[in-house]
C-alpha atoms as a PDB file:
ATOM      1  CA  MET A   1      47.371  37.812  25.408  1.00  0.00           C
ATOM      2  CA  ASN A   2      43.345  38.393  24.008  1.00  0.00           C
ATOM      3  CA  GLU A   3      43.671  35.197  21.828  1.00  0.00           C
ATOM      4  CA  THR A   4      40.899  37.181  19.319  1.00  0.00           C
ATOM      5  CA  HIS A   5      43.841  39.452  18.345  1.00  0.00           C
ATOM      6  CA  ALA A   6      46.221  36.775  18.072  1.00  0.00           C
ATOM      7  CA  ILE A   7      45.037  34.964  14.426  1.00  0.00           C
ATOM      8  CA  ASP A   8      46.483  36.597  11.740  1.00  0.00           C
ATOM      9  CA  TYR A   9      43.202  36.710   9.351  1.00  0.00           C
ATOM     10  CA  ALA A  10      45.003  38.112   6.739  1.00  0.00           C
ATOM     11  CA  ARG A  11      47.107  35.030   6.731  1.00  0.00           C
ATOM     12  CA  TYR A  12      43.927  32.719   8.012  1.00  0.00           C
ATOM     13  CA  ASP A  13      41.380  33.875   5.587  1.00  0.00           C
ATOM     14  CA  ARG A  14      41.961  34.148   2.238  1.00  0.00           C
ATOM     15  CA  ILE A  15      39.086  32.953   0.186  1.00  0.00           C
ATOM     16  CA  ARG A  16      35.950  33.973  -0.556  1.00  0.00           C
ATOM     17  CA  PRO A  17      33.127  31.643  -2.383  1.00  0.00           C
ATOM     18  CA  ILE A  18      30.235  34.071  -2.840  1.00  0.00           C
ATOM     19  CA  LEU A  19      30.675  37.432  -4.099  1.00  0.00           C
ATOM     20  CA  TRP A  20      27.729  40.061  -4.813  1.00  0.00           C
ATOM     21  CA  THR A  21      28.678  43.010  -7.836  1.00  0.00           C
ATOM     22  CA  GLY A  22      25.638  44.735  -7.942  1.00  0.00           C
ATOM     23  CA  GLN A  23      24.551  43.724 -10.839  1.00  0.00           C
ATOM     24  CA  ALA A  24      25.080  39.569 -10.389  1.00  0.00           C
ATOM     25  CA  LEU A  25      26.025  36.856  -7.747  1.00  0.00           C
ATOM     26  CA  GLU A  26      29.613  35.027  -8.516  1.00  0.00           C
ATOM     27  CA  LEU A  27      29.917  32.092  -6.713  1.00  0.00           C
ATOM     28  CA  LEU A  28      33.043  30.397  -7.105  1.00  0.00           C
ATOM     29  CA  ASP A  29      32.509  26.609  -8.947  1.00  0.00           C
ATOM     30  CA  GLN A  30      33.617  24.038  -6.029  1.00  0.00           C
ATOM     31  CA  ARG A  31      32.524  20.968  -8.706  1.00  0.00           C
ATOM     32  CA  LYS A  32      36.325  22.512 -10.983  1.00  0.00           C
ATOM     33  CA  LEU A  33      38.203  22.556  -7.522  1.00  0.00           C
ATOM     34  CA  PRO A  34      41.268  22.707  -6.895  1.00  0.00           C
ATOM     35  CA  PHE A  35      42.350  22.614 -10.755  1.00  0.00           C
ATOM     36  CA  VAL A  36      40.214  25.062 -12.353  1.00  0.00           C
ATOM     37  CA  VAL A  37      39.534  28.312 -10.375  1.00  0.00           C
ATOM     38  CA  GLU A  38      35.941  29.338 -12.021  1.00  0.00           C
ATOM     39  CA  HIS A  39      33.115  31.419 -10.681  1.00  0.00           C
ATOM     40  CA  VAL A  40      29.584  30.906 -11.858  1.00  0.00           C
ATOM     41  CA  GLN A  41      27.881  33.862 -12.600  1.00  0.00           C
ATOM     42  CA  CYS A  42      24.282  33.901 -11.722  1.00  0.00           C
ATOM     43  CA  HIS A  43      21.428  36.602 -13.254  1.00  0.00           C
ATOM     44  CA  SER A  44      18.093  34.818 -11.346  1.00  0.00           C
ATOM     45  CA  SER A  45      17.189  33.728  -8.593  1.00  0.00           C
ATOM     46  CA  ASP A  46      16.573  30.110 -10.404  1.00  0.00           C
ATOM     47  CA  GLU A  47      20.412  30.098 -11.507  1.00  0.00           C
ATOM     48  CA  VAL A  48      21.208  30.508  -8.111  1.00  0.00           C
ATOM     49  CA  ALA A  49      19.055  27.548  -7.087  1.00  0.00           C
ATOM     50  CA  GLN A  50      20.480  25.456  -9.437  1.00  0.00           C
ATOM     51  CA  ALA A  51      24.186  26.448  -8.721  1.00  0.00           C
ATOM     52  CA  ILE A  52      22.849  25.018  -4.765  1.00  0.00           C
ATOM     53  CA  HIS A  53      21.261  22.195  -5.942  1.00  0.00           C
ATOM     54  CA  ALA A  54      24.571  21.140  -8.282  1.00  0.00           C
ATOM     55  CA  LEU A  55      26.908  21.786  -5.447  1.00  0.00           C
ATOM     56  CA  ALA A  56      28.340  24.757  -7.561  1.00  0.00           C
ATOM     57  CA  VAL A  57      27.844  26.432  -3.838  1.00  0.00           C
ATOM     58  CA  ARG A  58      28.098  24.113  -0.572  1.00  0.00           C
ATOM     59  CA  GLY A  59      28.067  24.118   2.907  1.00  0.00           C
ATOM     60  CA  ALA A  60      24.780  24.979   4.946  1.00  0.00           C
ATOM     61  CA  PRO A  61      26.548  28.882   5.518  1.00  0.00           C
ATOM     62  CA  ALA A  62      26.790  29.109   2.054  1.00  0.00           C
ATOM     63  CA  ILE A  63      23.856  28.167   0.698  1.00  0.00           C
ATOM     64  CA  GLY A  64      21.921  30.488   3.102  1.00  0.00           C
ATOM     65  CA  ILE A  65      23.290  33.068   2.292  1.00  0.00           C
ATOM     66  CA  ALA A  66      23.688  32.671  -1.674  1.00  0.00           C
ATOM     67  CA  ALA A  67      19.943  32.072  -1.534  1.00  0.00           C
ATOM     68  CA  ALA A  68      19.464  35.386   0.066  1.00  0.00           C
ATOM     69  CA  TRP A  69      21.027  37.327  -2.742  1.00  0.00           C
ATOM     70  CA  GLY A  70      18.777  35.073  -5.032  1.00  0.00           C
ATOM     71  CA  VAL A  71      16.072  36.857  -3.708  1.00  0.00           C
ATOM     72  CA  VAL A  72      17.612  40.053  -4.319  1.00  0.00           C
ATOM     73  CA  LEU A  73      18.391  38.916  -7.621  1.00  0.00           C
ATOM     74  CA  ALA A  74      14.220  37.702  -8.063  1.00  0.00           C
ATOM     75  CA  ALA A  75      13.349  41.015  -7.542  1.00  0.00           C
ATOM     76  CA  ARG A  76      14.570  42.499 -10.367  1.00  0.00           C
ATOM     77  CA  GLY A  77      12.169  40.993 -12.563  1.00  0.00           C
ATOM     78  CA  ILE A  78       9.177  42.802 -10.378  1.00  0.00           C
ATOM     79  CA  GLU A  79       7.095  45.864  -9.782  1.00  0.00           C
ATOM     80  CA  ALA A  80       5.522  46.479  -6.263  1.00  0.00           C
ATOM     81  CA  GLY A  81       4.877  49.578  -3.984  1.00  0.00           C
ATOM     82  CA  ASP A  82       6.038  47.707  -0.911  1.00  0.00           C
ATOM     83  CA  GLY A  83       7.259  45.016   0.603  1.00  0.00           C
ATOM     84  CA  ALA A  84       4.572  43.085   1.138  1.00  0.00           C
ATOM     85  CA  GLN A  85       3.480  43.392  -2.336  1.00  0.00           C
ATOM     86  CA  ALA A  86       6.583  42.162  -3.541  1.00  0.00           C
ATOM     87  CA  LEU A  87       6.822  39.307  -1.270  1.00  0.00           C
ATOM     88  CA  GLN A  88       3.665  38.037  -2.796  1.00  0.00           C
ATOM     89  CA  GLN A  89       5.271  37.767  -6.114  1.00  0.00           C
ATOM     90  CA  LEU A  90       8.306  36.564  -5.299  1.00  0.00           C
ATOM     91  CA  GLU A  91       7.021  33.475  -3.099  1.00  0.00           C
ATOM     92  CA  PRO A  92       7.625  31.191  -6.153  1.00  0.00           C
ATOM     93  CA  ALA A  93      11.132  32.047  -6.591  1.00  0.00           C
ATOM     94  CA  LEU A  94      11.516  31.862  -2.733  1.00  0.00           C
ATOM     95  CA  GLN A  95      10.004  28.196  -2.554  1.00  0.00           C
ATOM     96  CA  ARG A  96      12.182  26.949  -5.719  1.00  0.00           C
ATOM     97  CA  LEU A  97      15.295  28.150  -3.526  1.00  0.00           C
ATOM     98  CA  ASN A  98      14.118  26.292  -0.767  1.00  0.00           C
ATOM     99  CA  ALA A  99      13.844  23.607  -2.592  1.00  0.00           C
ATOM    100  CA  ALA A 100      17.186  23.216  -4.264  1.00  0.00           C
ATOM    101  CA  ARG A 101      18.777  21.320  -0.772  1.00  0.00           C
ATOM    102  CA  PRO A 102      15.929  20.548   1.845  1.00  0.00           C
ATOM    103  CA  THR A 103      18.459  18.991   4.754  1.00  0.00           C
ATOM    104  CA  ALA A 104      20.486  22.634   5.071  1.00  0.00           C
ATOM    105  CA  VAL A 105      18.528  24.925   7.917  1.00  0.00           C
ATOM    106  CA  ASN A 106      20.226  27.501   7.187  1.00  0.00           C
ATOM    107  CA  LEU A 107      18.345  27.618   3.567  1.00  0.00           C
ATOM    108  CA  ALA A 108      15.130  27.889   4.877  1.00  0.00           C
ATOM    109  CA  TRP A 109      16.433  30.730   7.851  1.00  0.00           C
ATOM    110  CA  ALA A 110      17.993  33.202   5.032  1.00  0.00           C
ATOM    111  CA  LEU A 111      14.734  32.765   3.330  1.00  0.00           C
ATOM    112  CA  ALA A 112      12.747  33.598   6.137  1.00  0.00           C
ATOM    113  CA  ARG A 113      14.606  36.326   7.433  1.00  0.00           C
ATOM    114  CA  MET A 114      14.338  37.811   3.860  1.00  0.00           C
ATOM    115  CA  ARG A 115      10.566  37.197   3.846  1.00  0.00           C
ATOM    116  CA  ARG A 116      10.513  39.024   7.649  1.00  0.00           C
ATOM    117  CA  VAL A 117      11.939  42.293   6.543  1.00  0.00           C
ATOM    118  CA  LEU A 118       9.924  42.298   3.193  1.00  0.00           C
ATOM    119  CA  ALA A 119       6.413  41.963   4.638  1.00  0.00           C
ATOM    120  CA  ALA A 120       8.060  45.161   6.901  1.00  0.00           C
ATOM    121  CA  ALA A 121       9.530  47.143   3.912  1.00  0.00           C
ATOM    122  CA  GLY A 122       7.774  50.142   3.042  1.00  0.00           C
ATOM    123  CA  ALA A 123       8.936  51.563  -1.108  1.00  0.00           C
ATOM    124  CA  ASP A 124      12.329  51.033  -0.194  1.00  0.00           C
ATOM    125  CA  TRP A 125      11.899  47.419  -0.377  1.00  0.00           C
ATOM    126  CA  ARG A 126      14.669  46.948  -2.763  1.00  0.00           C
ATOM    127  CA  GLU A 127      16.969  48.502  -0.890  1.00  0.00           C
ATOM    128  CA  VAL A 128      15.845  46.513   2.565  1.00  0.00           C
ATOM    129  CA  ILE A 129      16.511  42.809   0.566  1.00  0.00           C
ATOM    130  CA  GLU A 130      19.833  43.773  -0.677  1.00  0.00           C
ATOM    131  CA  ARG A 131      20.829  45.401   3.191  1.00  0.00           C
ATOM    132  CA  GLU A 132      19.365  42.291   4.534  1.00  0.00           C
ATOM    133  CA  ALA A 133      21.263  39.831   2.369  1.00  0.00           C
ATOM    134  CA  GLN A 134      24.792  41.860   2.971  1.00  0.00           C
ATOM    135  CA  ALA A 135      24.146  41.440   6.608  1.00  0.00           C
ATOM    136  CA  ILE A 136      23.660  37.566   6.874  1.00  0.00           C
ATOM    137  CA  ALA A 137      26.778  36.925   4.661  1.00  0.00           C
ATOM    138  CA  GLU A 138      28.877  39.861   7.209  1.00  0.00           C
ATOM    139  CA  GLU A 139      27.223  38.450  10.379  1.00  0.00           C
ATOM    140  CA  ASP A 140      28.014  34.426   8.932  1.00  0.00           C
ATOM    141  CA  LEU A 141      32.416  35.583   9.187  1.00  0.00           C
ATOM    142  CA  ALA A 142      32.224  37.544  12.579  1.00  0.00           C
ATOM    143  CA  ALA A 143      30.511  34.096  13.780  1.00  0.00           C
ATOM    144  CA  ASN A 144      32.876  31.985  12.121  1.00  0.00           C
ATOM    145  CA  ARG A 145      35.762  33.814  13.874  1.00  0.00           C
ATOM    146  CA  ARG A 146      34.105  33.819  16.425  1.00  0.00           C
ATOM    147  CA  MET A 147      33.331  30.009  16.619  1.00  0.00           C
ATOM    148  CA  GLY A 148      37.331  29.603  16.124  1.00  0.00           C
ATOM    149  CA  ILE A 149      38.183  31.287  19.367  1.00  0.00           C
ATOM    150  CA  LEU A 150      36.076  29.359  21.120  1.00  0.00           C
ATOM    151  CA  GLY A 151      36.301  25.770  19.549  1.00  0.00           C
ATOM    152  CA  ALA A 152      40.199  26.403  19.160  1.00  0.00           C
ATOM    153  CA  GLY A 153      39.982  26.825  23.309  1.00  0.00           C
ATOM    154  CA  LEU A 154      38.864  23.557  24.021  1.00  0.00           C
ATOM    155  CA  ILE A 155      41.977  21.659  22.361  1.00  0.00           C
ATOM    156  CA  GLY A 156      44.756  21.163  24.488  1.00  0.00           C
ATOM    157  CA  ALA A 157      48.438  21.998  23.073  1.00  0.00           C
ATOM    158  CA  GLY A 158      50.151  19.860  20.446  1.00  0.00           C
ATOM    159  CA  SER A 159      46.667  18.180  19.135  1.00  0.00           C
ATOM    160  CA  GLY A 160      46.059  16.094  16.435  1.00  0.00           C
ATOM    161  CA  VAL A 161      42.748  16.580  14.341  1.00  0.00           C
ATOM    162  CA  LEU A 162      40.766  15.216  12.086  1.00  0.00           C
ATOM    163  CA  THR A 163      37.298  16.987   9.985  1.00  0.00           C
ATOM    164  CA  HIS A 164      35.646  15.676   7.290  1.00  0.00           C
ATOM    165  CA  CYS A 165      33.928  17.032   4.145  1.00  0.00           C
ATOM    166  CA  ASN A 166      34.404  20.679   3.872  1.00  0.00           C
ATOM    167  CA  THR A 167      33.669  23.374   6.354  1.00  0.00           C
ATOM    168  CA  GLY A 168      35.857  26.302   5.800  1.00  0.00           C
ATOM    169  CA  SER A 169      36.093  29.692   3.362  1.00  0.00           C
ATOM    170  CA  LEU A 170      34.205  27.766   1.105  1.00  0.00           C
ATOM    171  CA  ALA A 171      30.939  26.642   2.793  1.00  0.00           C
ATOM    172  CA  THR A 172      30.885  29.850   4.767  1.00  0.00           C
ATOM    173  CA  ALA A 173      31.030  33.772   3.839  1.00  0.00           C
ATOM    174  CA  GLY A 174      34.582  32.995   5.264  1.00  0.00           C
ATOM    175  CA  PHE A 175      36.780  31.613   7.479  1.00  0.00           C
ATOM    176  CA  GLY A 176      34.987  28.563   8.073  1.00  0.00           C
ATOM    177  CA  THR A 177      32.963  26.389  10.766  1.00  0.00           C
ATOM    178  CA  ALA A 178      35.042  23.673  12.112  1.00  0.00           C
ATOM    179  CA  LEU A 179      38.004  24.665   9.623  1.00  0.00           C
ATOM    180  CA  GLY A 180      37.725  27.918  11.316  1.00  0.00           C
ATOM    181  CA  VAL A 181      38.588  26.436  15.029  1.00  0.00           C
ATOM    182  CA  ILE A 182      41.049  24.390  13.174  1.00  0.00           C
ATOM    183  CA  ARG A 183      42.556  27.751  11.679  1.00  0.00           C
ATOM    184  CA  ALA A 184      42.651  29.416  15.054  1.00  0.00           C
ATOM    185  CA  GLY A 185      44.300  26.144  16.838  1.00  0.00           C
ATOM    186  CA  VAL A 186      46.600  26.172  14.010  1.00  0.00           C
ATOM    187  CA  ALA A 187      47.143  29.785  14.676  1.00  0.00           C
ATOM    188  CA  GLN A 188      47.418  29.644  18.365  1.00  0.00           C
ATOM    189  CA  GLY A 189      49.802  26.044  18.738  1.00  0.00           C
ATOM    190  CA  HIS A 190      46.781  24.393  19.674  1.00  0.00           C
ATOM    191  CA  VAL A 191      46.382  21.927  16.760  1.00  0.00           C
ATOM    192  CA  ALA A 192      49.838  20.712  15.601  1.00  0.00           C
ATOM    193  CA  ARG A 193      48.438  18.002  13.171  1.00  0.00           C
ATOM    194  CA  VAL A 194      45.868  18.257  10.743  1.00  0.00           C
ATOM    195  CA  PHE A 195      43.856  14.961   9.137  1.00  0.00           C
ATOM    196  CA  ALA A 196      41.112  15.324   6.413  1.00  0.00           C
ATOM    197  CA  ASP A 197      38.941  12.545   5.400  1.00  0.00           C
ATOM    198  CA  GLU A 198      38.912  12.205   1.628  1.00  0.00           C
ATOM    199  CA  THR A 199      34.775  12.238   2.206  1.00  0.00           C
ATOM    200  CA  ARG A 200      33.388   9.964  -1.071  1.00  0.00           C
ATOM    201  CA  PRO A 201      31.114  10.344  -3.365  1.00  0.00           C
ATOM    202  CA  TRP A 202      31.947  14.166  -3.728  1.00  0.00           C
ATOM    203  CA  LEU A 203      35.606  14.450  -2.788  1.00  0.00           C
ATOM    204  CA  GLN A 204      34.877  17.563  -0.559  1.00  0.00           C
ATOM    205  CA  GLY A 205      37.778  16.593   1.828  1.00  0.00           C
ATOM    206  CA  ALA A 206      40.475  15.654  -0.829  1.00  0.00           C
ATOM    207  CA  ARG A 207      39.721  18.197  -3.302  1.00  0.00           C
ATOM    208  CA  LEU A 208      38.890  21.592  -1.138  1.00  0.00           C
ATOM    209  CA  THR A 209      39.272  21.059   2.488  1.00  0.00           C
ATOM    210  CA  VAL A 210      43.295  20.155   1.870  1.00  0.00           C
ATOM    211  CA  TRP A 211      43.525  22.705  -0.609  1.00  0.00           C
ATOM    212  CA  GLU A 212      41.917  25.246   1.501  1.00  0.00           C
ATOM    213  CA  LEU A 213      44.649  24.803   3.550  1.00  0.00           C
ATOM    214  CA  GLN A 214      47.264  24.541   1.309  1.00  0.00           C
ATOM    215  CA  GLN A 215      46.122  28.437   0.781  1.00  0.00           C
ATOM    216  CA  ASP A 216      47.009  29.252   4.398  1.00  0.00           C
ATOM    217  CA  GLY A 217      50.033  27.840   4.865  1.00  0.00           C
ATOM    218  CA  ILE A 218      48.849  24.468   6.943  1.00  0.00           C
ATOM    219  CA  ASP A 219      50.059  21.322   6.254  1.00  0.00           C
ATOM    220  CA  ALA A 220      47.361  18.887   6.304  1.00  0.00           C
ATOM    221  CA  THR A 221      47.592  14.935   5.637  1.00  0.00           C
ATOM    222  CA  LEU A 222      44.692  13.465   3.708  1.00  0.00           C
ATOM    223  CA  ILE A 223      43.197  10.001   4.582  1.00  0.00           C
ATOM    224  CA  ALA A 224      40.775   7.686   3.208  1.00  0.00           C
ATOM    225  CA  ASP A 225      37.569   7.695   5.040  1.00  0.00           C
ATOM    226  CA  SER A 226      37.849   4.151   5.548  1.00  0.00           C
ATOM    227  CA  ALA A 227      41.080   4.880   7.599  1.00  0.00           C
ATOM    228  CA  ALA A 228      39.727   6.550  10.351  1.00  0.00           C
ATOM    229  CA  SER A 229      39.132   4.271  12.927  1.00  0.00           C
ATOM    230  CA  HIS A 230      42.803   2.677  12.755  1.00  0.00           C
ATOM    231  CA  LEU A 231      43.736   6.627  12.641  1.00  0.00           C
ATOM    232  CA  MET A 232      42.331   7.607  15.706  1.00  0.00           C
ATOM    233  CA  LYS A 233      44.023   3.930  17.207  1.00  0.00           C
ATOM    234  CA  THR A 234      47.084   5.099  16.427  1.00  0.00           C
ATOM    235  CA  GLY A 235      46.748   7.913  19.136  1.00  0.00           C
ATOM    236  CA  ALA A 236      47.488  10.703  16.400  1.00  0.00           C
ATOM    237  CA  VAL A 237      44.234  12.234  17.044  1.00  0.00           C
ATOM    238  CA  GLN A 238      42.670  13.654  19.956  1.00  0.00           C
ATOM    239  CA  TRP A 239      39.664  15.596  18.219  1.00  0.00           C
ATOM    240  CA  VAL A 240      37.105  15.269  15.643  1.00  0.00           C
ATOM    241  CA  ILE A 241      36.202  18.098  14.633  1.00  0.00           C
ATOM    242  CA  VAL A 242      32.513  18.545  12.050  1.00  0.00           C
ATOM    243  CA  GLY A 243      30.127  21.128  10.865  1.00  0.00           C
ATOM    244  CA  ALA A 244      26.503  20.393  11.053  1.00  0.00           C
ATOM    245  CA  ASP A 245      24.107  21.131   8.552  1.00  0.00           C
ATOM    246  CA  ARG A 246      21.061  20.627  10.736  1.00  0.00           C
ATOM    247  CA  ILE A 247      21.054  20.944  14.850  1.00  0.00           C
ATOM    248  CA  CYS A 248      17.682  19.332  16.510  1.00  0.00           C
ATOM    249  CA  ALA A 249      16.236  20.734  19.768  1.00  0.00           C
ATOM    250  CA  ASN A 250      17.710  17.738  21.537  1.00  0.00           C
ATOM    251  CA  GLY A 251      21.307  17.996  20.171  1.00  0.00           C
ATOM    252  CA  ASP A 252      21.357  15.438  17.340  1.00  0.00           C
ATOM    253  CA  THR A 253      22.822  16.692  14.430  1.00  0.00           C
ATOM    254  CA  ALA A 254      22.762  16.054  10.455  1.00  0.00           C
ATOM    255  CA  ASN A 255      25.860  16.631   8.818  1.00  0.00           C
ATOM    256  CA  LYS A 256      27.859  15.061   5.673  1.00  0.00           C
ATOM    257  CA  ILE A 257      27.050  10.745   5.256  1.00  0.00           C
ATOM    258  CA  GLY A 258      30.079   9.434   7.029  1.00  0.00           C
ATOM    259  CA  THR A 259      29.689  11.828  10.031  1.00  0.00           C
ATOM    260  CA  TYR A 260      28.058   9.209  12.265  1.00  0.00           C
ATOM    261  CA  GLN A 261      30.608   6.815  11.751  1.00  0.00           C
ATOM    262  CA  LEU A 262      33.405   8.887  12.524  1.00  0.00           C
ATOM    263  CA  ALA A 263      31.094   9.965  16.115  1.00  0.00           C
ATOM    264  CA  ILE A 264      31.182   5.718  16.990  1.00  0.00           C
ATOM    265  CA  ALA A 265      34.810   5.236  16.267  1.00  0.00           C
ATOM    266  CA  ALA A 266      36.000   8.686  18.134  1.00  0.00           C
ATOM    267  CA  ARG A 267      33.737   7.391  21.341  1.00  0.00           C
ATOM    268  CA  HIS A 268      35.313   3.658  20.990  1.00  0.00           C
ATOM    269  CA  HIS A 269      39.165   5.190  20.816  1.00  0.00           C
ATOM    270  CA  GLY A 270      38.149   7.752  23.882  1.00  0.00           C
ATOM    271  CA  VAL A 271      38.544  10.778  21.158  1.00  0.00           C
ATOM    272  CA  LYS A 272      36.734  14.074  21.850  1.00  0.00           C
ATOM    273  CA  PHE A 273      33.556  14.680  19.110  1.00  0.00           C
ATOM    274  CA  MET A 274      33.005  18.677  18.548  1.00  0.00           C
ATOM    275  CA  VAL A 275      30.499  19.806  16.246  1.00  0.00           C
ATOM    276  CA  VAL A 276      30.847  23.479  14.891  1.00  0.00           C
ATOM    277  CA  ALA A 277      28.055  25.639  13.265  1.00  0.00           C
ATOM    278  CA  PRO A 278      26.181  29.315  13.727  1.00  0.00           C
ATOM    279  CA  ALA A 279      23.252  29.607  15.544  1.00  0.00           C
ATOM    280  CA  SER A 280      21.388  29.729  12.191  1.00  0.00           C
ATOM    281  CA  THR A 281      21.481  25.882  12.145  1.00  0.00           C
ATOM    282  CA  VAL A 282      20.174  25.333  14.834  1.00  0.00           C
ATOM    283  CA  ASP A 283      16.056  24.431  14.593  1.00  0.00           C
ATOM    284  CA  MET A 284      14.300  24.156  17.753  1.00  0.00           C
ATOM    285  CA  ASP A 285      11.114  23.415  15.715  1.00  0.00           C
ATOM    286  CA  THR A 286      12.774  19.641  15.137  1.00  0.00           C
ATOM    287  CA  ALA A 287      12.501  17.669  17.973  1.00  0.00           C
ATOM    288  CA  SER A 288      15.399  14.906  17.024  1.00  0.00           C
ATOM    289  CA  GLY A 289      17.443  13.844  14.412  1.00  0.00           C
ATOM    290  CA  GLU A 290      14.343  10.886  13.505  1.00  0.00           C
ATOM    291  CA  GLN A 291      12.622  13.616  12.033  1.00  0.00           C
ATOM    292  CA  ILE A 292      15.075  14.931   9.965  1.00  0.00           C
ATOM    293  CA  GLU A 293      14.552  14.544   5.985  1.00  0.00           C
ATOM    294  CA  ILE A 294      17.964  13.216   4.899  1.00  0.00           C
ATOM    295  CA  GLU A 295      18.612  14.383   1.209  1.00  0.00           C
ATOM    296  CA  GLN A 296      18.864  11.284  -1.349  1.00  0.00           C
ATOM    297  CA  ARG A 297      21.250  12.438  -4.132  1.00  0.00           C
ATOM    298  CA  ASP A 298      21.621  10.638  -7.804  1.00  0.00           C
ATOM    299  CA  PRO A 299      23.096   7.202  -7.286  1.00  0.00           C
ATOM    300  CA  GLY A 300      24.666   7.591 -10.128  1.00  0.00           C
ATOM    301  CA  GLU A 301      27.352  10.015  -8.409  1.00  0.00           C
ATOM    302  CA  LEU A 302      28.667   6.599  -6.801  1.00  0.00           C
ATOM    303  CA  PHE A 303      29.408   4.716 -10.029  1.00  0.00           C
ATOM    304  CA  GLY A 304      32.235   7.134 -11.299  1.00  0.00           C
ATOM    305  CA  ILE A 305      35.482   9.080  -9.460  1.00  0.00           C
ATOM    306  CA  GLY A 306      35.700  12.781 -12.110  1.00  0.00           C
ATOM    307  CA  GLY A 307      33.587  11.671 -14.110  1.00  0.00           C
ATOM    308  CA  THR A 308      35.265   7.944 -14.500  1.00  0.00           C
ATOM    309  CA  ARG A 309      33.244   5.672 -14.458  1.00  0.00           C
ATOM    310  CA  THR A 310      34.325   2.711 -12.387  1.00  0.00           C
ATOM    311  CA  VAL A 311      31.957   0.388 -11.733  1.00  0.00           C
ATOM    312  CA  ALA A 312      29.914  -2.130 -14.142  1.00  0.00           C
ATOM    313  CA  GLU A 313      26.566  -1.411 -15.698  1.00  0.00           C
ATOM    314  CA  GLY A 314      23.506  -2.624 -14.313  1.00  0.00           C
ATOM    315  CA  ILE A 315      24.600  -2.067 -10.566  1.00  0.00           C
ATOM    316  CA  GLN A 316      22.394  -0.363  -7.923  1.00  0.00           C
ATOM    317  CA  ALA A 317      23.353   2.131  -5.313  1.00  0.00           C
ATOM    318  CA  TRP A 318      22.149   4.017  -2.273  1.00  0.00           C
ATOM    319  CA  ASN A 319      23.201   7.562  -2.352  1.00  0.00           C
ATOM    320  CA  PRO A 320      22.379   9.608   0.987  1.00  0.00           C
ATOM    321  CA  VAL A 321      24.181  12.489   1.449  1.00  0.00           C
ATOM    322  CA  PHE A 322      23.585  13.277   5.108  1.00  0.00           C
ATOM    323  CA  ASP A 323      23.672  11.093   8.054  1.00  0.00           C
ATOM    324  CA  VAL A 324      22.102  11.958  11.745  1.00  0.00           C
ATOM    325  CA  THR A 325      24.944  11.593  14.774  1.00  0.00           C
ATOM    326  CA  PRO A 326      22.899  11.438  18.210  1.00  0.00           C
ATOM    327  CA  ALA A 327      23.702  14.157  21.006  1.00  0.00           C
ATOM    328  CA  ASP A 328      25.023  11.679  23.099  1.00  0.00           C
ATOM    329  CA  LEU A 329      27.920  10.944  20.786  1.00  0.00           C
ATOM    330  CA  ILE A 330      29.001  14.771  20.890  1.00  0.00           C
ATOM    331  CA  ASP A 331      31.370  15.905  23.393  1.00  0.00           C
ATOM    332  CA  ALA A 332      31.284  19.855  22.076  1.00  0.00           C
ATOM    333  CA  LEU A 333      28.389  21.800  20.263  1.00  0.00           C
ATOM    334  CA  VAL A 334      30.201  25.484  19.159  1.00  0.00           C
ATOM    335  CA  THR A 335      28.203  28.335  18.012  1.00  0.00           C
ATOM    336  CA  GLU A 336      28.846  31.851  18.266  1.00  0.00           C
ATOM    337  CA  ARG A 337      26.906  31.952  21.337  1.00  0.00           C
ATOM    338  CA  GLY A 338      28.994  29.912  23.086  1.00  0.00           C
ATOM    339  CA  VAL A 339      30.037  25.845  23.727  1.00  0.00           C
ATOM    340  CA  ILE A 340      27.517  23.443  25.047  1.00  0.00           C
ATOM    341  CA  GLU A 341      29.239  20.580  26.321  1.00  0.00           C
ATOM    342  CA  ARG A 342      27.551  16.986  25.978  1.00  0.00           C
ATOM    343  CA  PRO A 343      24.275  18.881  24.394  1.00  0.00           C
ATOM    344  CA  ASP A 344      20.986  17.383  25.318  1.00  0.00           C
ATOM    345  CA  ALA A 345      17.396  18.869  24.983  1.00  0.00           C
ATOM    346  CA  ALA A 346      17.948  20.973  28.153  1.00  0.00           C
ATOM    347  CA  LYS A 347      20.884  22.286  27.374  1.00  0.00           C
ATOM    348  CA  MET A 348      19.594  23.255  23.978  1.00  0.00           C
ATOM    349  CA  ARG A 349      16.367  24.688  25.331  1.00  0.00           C
ATOM    350  CA  ALA A 350      18.650  26.850  27.477  1.00  0.00           C
ATOM    351  CA  ALA A 351      20.682  28.160  24.675  1.00  0.00           C
ATOM    352  CA  PHE A 352      18.314  28.834  22.174  1.00  0.00           C
ATOM    353  CA  GLY A 353      14.913  28.951  23.687  1.00  0.00           C
END
């Protein structure tokens, strides 16, 4: 049986966080999920940049897609005879979009792609950039479905898996990266049990991941971030499956804060560790994780939950939003181009040039 056709995508791929209406960009507001399903309407590139910075839209692939549509919106306010002229006028807007979230490489990648097609475009440059934004979204969805099949093929039948943050349809054009592997694994009978970390301080696992899986009829068990090592010790988990915001030339990977400690615990307990991300997340210009800029967010995000303060006044907090997992803790790196087992600089070079 061709397992590519064994997945009922109508069942396992229902959510779309980004909708281009032709007039505006509608973003499913992930700050309000799971209790309020509401869309943010963006009519300008600066509104898209603000939505990215404020985490109304999040997840590296989704950020890149949103930024591409942000360029289309920015173009509404200029007049130019060709793409090169348009690019000169659009550059400040592109730079503001790029500054919204510095760690996720997909953002810079998508904007570089929009720059490239603009520079070569003629009088039809507006149509060219709209087609390119649409292509970025469609290619992401196809890549996610491909990664789902590849990653699920590594998982033994009846396995338990643990995931961190949210890497599903909400973080992408659809289906998801790490959550796409889990969806495919459930559909094919490889995954029997799914566990999700809460993922403090924004609770993407608790608010988003388990809600997404619930929409697809997939049972998931929520755990506190601090329970992960104990869970592994019980033998309930055979794979930790996570996404990535940037993958370096040596295979080091930046992802949501808390990922690094999962990788350490997984290695100690003999649990396999899988990173799933599109090739657009690979940054061959960054040699290792030591060179990645780790975004620091407002310390106030640690002072409460859901708008209710739980910490005394006058307390200091440190709030890095990503950490870096060294390549030697990663058992499998899955992109739409294939699987790299135990990634290192040589294997990354062979795959990504």
